[in-house]
Amino acid sequence: MSRNYKFHNPKAAYFVSFATVYWIDVFTRQPYFQILAEAITYCRKEKGMELFAYCFMPNHVHFIFRSFNGDPASLLRDFKKYTSKRIVTAIRENFRESRREWLLEMFGNAASKKKNVKNYQLWQHHNKPVELWSAKVIKQKLDYIHKNPIRSGFVVHPEEWKFSSARNLQGDHSVMEIDDIGFLG
């Protein structure tokens, strides 16, 4: 992995993106999105996550976050490990999931290619963290996150995408709370 994609400053805010294996559209049902939201809420309360922006797309996630405890790599690792287990279990137990066998087969196939993964792999391993060092860079990443559903053709306005902090910035905290980004929020 390139030096450009590591958490060099443990106290900094970071923009991260991570995708499902094979870019599979896993997040097509409300319960799977809800697992992500609940995990973030837990991480904010119990693991020292400060979440400033987010967007959950069908096959990838974007965050702007900081680890209050100074360990962003471990925080993100734990988040991905937990959500992977919960989402795979939710898929396995959802007999109404029309893609259940195929999804589990794809996750199993991805896991079989990695020595450090057992049974199923939901997330790709890289996160591509980018340290946010200036207001200009923060604004750029914030715009990128919030315009992602527009670029994908899902909505016309950023706040129309349910699982995006663009809604929070409009005063809608119905999905989950985020932390104040300060001068940009």
Protein backbone atom coordinates (compact mmCIF):
# COMPACT_ATOMS: atom_id res chain seq x y z
CA MET A 1 0.00 0.00 0.00
CA SER A 2 1.26 3.47 -0.86
CA ARG A 3 2.44 5.85 1.85
CA ASN A 4 -0.20 8.24 0.54
CA TYR A 5 -2.89 5.93 1.90
CA LYS A 6 -2.00 5.54 5.56
CA PHE A 7 -3.07 7.20 8.79
CA HIS A 8 0.09 9.21 9.50
CA ASN A 9 -1.37 11.71 11.98
CA PRO A 10 -3.43 9.88 14.62
CA LYS A 11 -5.24 13.06 15.77
CA ALA A 12 -6.17 14.38 12.31
CA ALA A 13 -9.51 14.25 10.56
CA TYR A 14 -9.59 11.93 7.55
CA PHE A 15 -11.62 11.34 4.45
CA VAL A 16 -11.97 7.60 3.81
CA SER A 17 -13.71 5.52 1.18
CA PHE A 18 -14.18 1.79 1.24
CA ALA A 19 -16.13 -0.53 -0.99
CA THR A 20 -17.68 -3.97 -0.89
CA VAL A 21 -15.79 -6.82 -2.53
CA TYR A 22 -16.29 -6.88 -6.29
CA TRP A 23 -18.19 -3.60 -5.87
CA ILE A 24 -21.34 -5.64 -5.17
CA ASP A 25 -24.47 -3.57 -4.51
CA VAL A 26 -25.10 -4.91 -1.01
CA PHE A 27 -26.87 -1.85 0.38
CA THR A 28 -30.14 -2.14 -1.47
CA ARG A 29 -32.35 -2.83 1.53
CA GLN A 30 -33.12 -0.71 4.59
CA PRO A 31 -31.89 -3.24 7.21
CA TYR A 32 -28.38 -3.30 5.72
CA PHE A 33 -28.14 0.49 5.71
CA GLN A 34 -29.45 0.47 9.29
CA ILE A 35 -26.62 -1.80 10.42
CA LEU A 36 -24.12 0.81 9.18
CA ALA A 37 -25.97 3.64 10.92
CA GLU A 38 -26.22 1.74 14.21
CA ALA A 39 -22.53 0.84 14.09
CA ILE A 40 -21.57 4.48 13.60
CA THR A 41 -23.82 5.55 16.45
CA TYR A 42 -22.10 2.97 18.66
CA CYS A 43 -18.62 4.06 17.54
CA ARG A 44 -19.47 7.69 18.30
CA LYS A 45 -20.70 6.83 21.81
CA GLU A 46 -18.28 4.08 22.81
CA LYS A 47 -15.15 4.14 20.62
CA GLY A 48 -14.24 7.80 20.29
CA MET A 49 -15.37 8.40 16.72
CA GLU A 50 -16.10 11.93 15.66
CA LEU A 51 -18.10 11.72 12.45
CA PHE A 52 -18.33 14.93 10.45
CA ALA A 53 -19.78 13.65 7.16
CA TYR A 54 -20.87 10.39 5.58
CA CYS A 55 -22.60 8.86 2.60
CA PHE A 56 -23.65 5.23 2.29
CA MET A 57 -23.95 4.17 -1.34
CA PRO A 58 -25.13 0.76 -2.61
CA ASN A 59 -21.57 -0.60 -2.82
CA HIS A 60 -19.33 1.82 -0.95
CA VAL A 61 -19.11 4.22 1.97
CA HIS A 62 -17.51 7.64 2.46
CA PHE A 63 -16.67 9.23 5.83
CA ILE A 64 -15.01 12.32 7.16
CA PHE A 65 -14.06 11.32 10.67
CA ARG A 66 -11.52 11.61 13.45
CA SER A 67 -10.55 9.22 16.21
CA PHE A 68 -10.78 11.05 19.53
CA ASN A 69 -8.60 8.26 20.96
CA GLY A 70 -5.88 8.80 18.36
CA ASP A 71 -6.19 5.45 16.59
CA PRO A 72 -8.16 5.94 13.36
CA ALA A 73 -6.85 2.74 11.74
CA SER A 74 -8.09 0.52 14.57
CA LEU A 75 -11.40 2.36 14.77
CA LEU A 76 -12.06 1.84 11.08
CA ARG A 77 -10.84 -1.77 11.22
CA ASP A 78 -13.23 -2.53 14.08
CA PHE A 79 -16.12 -0.79 12.31
CA LYS A 80 -15.58 -2.79 9.13
CA LYS A 81 -15.14 -6.09 11.00
CA TYR A 82 -18.30 -5.58 13.05
CA THR A 83 -20.47 -4.40 10.13
CA SER A 84 -19.19 -7.22 7.95
CA LYS A 85 -20.26 -9.86 10.46
CA ARG A 86 -23.64 -8.22 11.10
CA ILE A 87 -24.47 -7.70 7.43
CA VAL A 88 -23.45 -11.22 6.42
CA THR A 89 -25.59 -12.60 9.26
CA ALA A 90 -28.51 -10.40 8.21
CA ILE A 91 -28.23 -11.64 4.64
CA ARG A 92 -27.87 -15.28 5.72
CA GLU A 93 -30.96 -15.04 7.97
CA ASN A 94 -33.10 -13.10 5.49
CA PHE A 95 -34.91 -15.82 3.55
CA ARG A 96 -36.68 -13.09 1.56
CA GLU A 97 -33.33 -11.86 0.23
CA SER A 98 -33.52 -12.87 -3.44
CA ARG A 99 -29.74 -12.70 -3.86
CA ARG A 100 -28.88 -14.49 -0.61
CA GLU A 101 -27.05 -17.53 -2.01
CA TRP A 102 -25.24 -15.48 -4.65
CA LEU A 103 -24.13 -12.82 -2.16
CA LEU A 104 -22.84 -15.40 0.31
CA GLU A 105 -21.05 -17.25 -2.49
CA MET A 106 -19.35 -14.04 -3.64
CA PHE A 107 -18.31 -13.12 -0.08
CA GLY A 108 -17.01 -16.66 0.42
CA ASN A 109 -15.09 -16.50 -2.84
CA ALA A 110 -13.46 -13.22 -1.82
CA ALA A 111 -12.50 -14.69 1.58
CA SER A 112 -10.95 -17.77 0.00
CA LYS A 113 -8.42 -15.55 -1.78
CA LYS A 114 -7.14 -14.02 1.48
CA LYS A 115 -5.14 -15.86 4.11
CA ASN A 116 -6.29 -13.53 6.89
CA VAL A 117 -10.06 -13.85 6.22
CA LYS A 118 -12.28 -16.68 7.38
CA ASN A 119 -15.58 -17.65 5.76
CA TYR A 120 -16.78 -14.35 4.26
CA GLN A 121 -15.30 -11.04 3.18
CA LEU A 122 -17.70 -8.13 2.73
CA TRP A 123 -15.35 -5.13 2.53
CA GLN A 124 -12.31 -4.59 0.38
CA HIS A 125 -9.27 -4.15 2.64
CA HIS A 126 -8.13 -0.67 1.64
CA ASN A 127 -9.66 2.56 2.95
CA LYS A 128 -7.68 5.20 1.07
CA PRO A 129 -7.42 7.62 4.01
CA VAL A 130 -6.68 11.22 3.06
CA GLU A 131 -5.66 13.54 5.88
CA LEU A 132 -7.68 16.75 5.85
CA TRP A 133 -5.23 19.55 6.47
CA SER A 134 -7.05 22.69 5.29
CA ALA A 135 -10.53 24.19 5.01
CA LYS A 136 -10.26 23.99 1.22
CA VAL A 137 -9.56 20.24 1.28
CA ILE A 138 -12.32 19.61 3.82
CA LYS A 139 -14.81 21.53 1.67
CA GLN A 140 -13.68 19.61 -1.43
CA LYS A 141 -14.18 16.22 0.25
CA LEU A 142 -17.47 17.29 1.81
CA ASP A 143 -18.79 18.29 -1.62
CA TYR A 144 -17.50 15.03 -3.12
CA ILE A 145 -19.30 12.96 -0.48
CA HIS A 146 -22.59 14.81 -0.76
CA LYS A 147 -22.64 14.89 -4.56
CA ASN A 148 -21.94 11.15 -4.88
CA PRO A 149 -25.66 10.17 -5.08
CA ILE A 150 -26.20 12.89 -7.71
CA ARG A 151 -23.30 11.64 -9.85
CA SER A 152 -24.76 8.13 -9.58
CA GLY A 153 -28.13 9.36 -10.83
CA PHE A 154 -30.08 8.47 -7.68
CA VAL A 155 -31.16 12.00 -6.71
CA VAL A 156 -31.18 15.57 -7.98
CA HIS A 157 -30.24 17.26 -4.68
CA PRO A 158 -27.78 15.91 -2.09
CA GLU A 159 -30.23 16.08 0.83
CA GLU A 160 -32.63 13.76 -1.03
CA TRP A 161 -30.31 10.78 -0.40
CA LYS A 162 -31.49 9.30 2.91
CA PHE A 163 -28.12 7.95 4.04
CA SER A 164 -26.04 11.11 3.68
CA SER A 165 -24.95 13.82 6.07
CA ALA A 166 -26.20 16.35 3.52
CA ARG A 167 -29.51 15.87 5.31
CA ASN A 168 -27.89 16.61 8.67
CA LEU A 169 -26.53 19.89 7.31
CA GLN A 170 -30.15 20.78 6.41
CA GLY A 171 -31.24 20.07 10.01
CA ASP A 172 -32.53 16.52 9.46
CA HIS A 173 -30.94 14.16 12.01
CA SER A 174 -33.52 11.38 11.60
CA VAL A 175 -31.05 8.75 10.32
CA MET A 176 -28.25 9.50 12.79
CA GLU A 177 -26.38 12.31 14.45
CA ILE A 178 -23.07 13.68 13.25
CA ASP A 179 -20.52 15.88 14.95
CA ASP A 180 -20.21 19.58 14.21
CA ILE A 181 -17.67 20.16 11.48
CA GLY A 182 -17.27 23.72 12.71
CA PHE A 183 -16.77 26.47 10.19
CA LEU A 184 -18.03 24.37 7.27
CA GLY A 185 -21.26 23.02 8.73
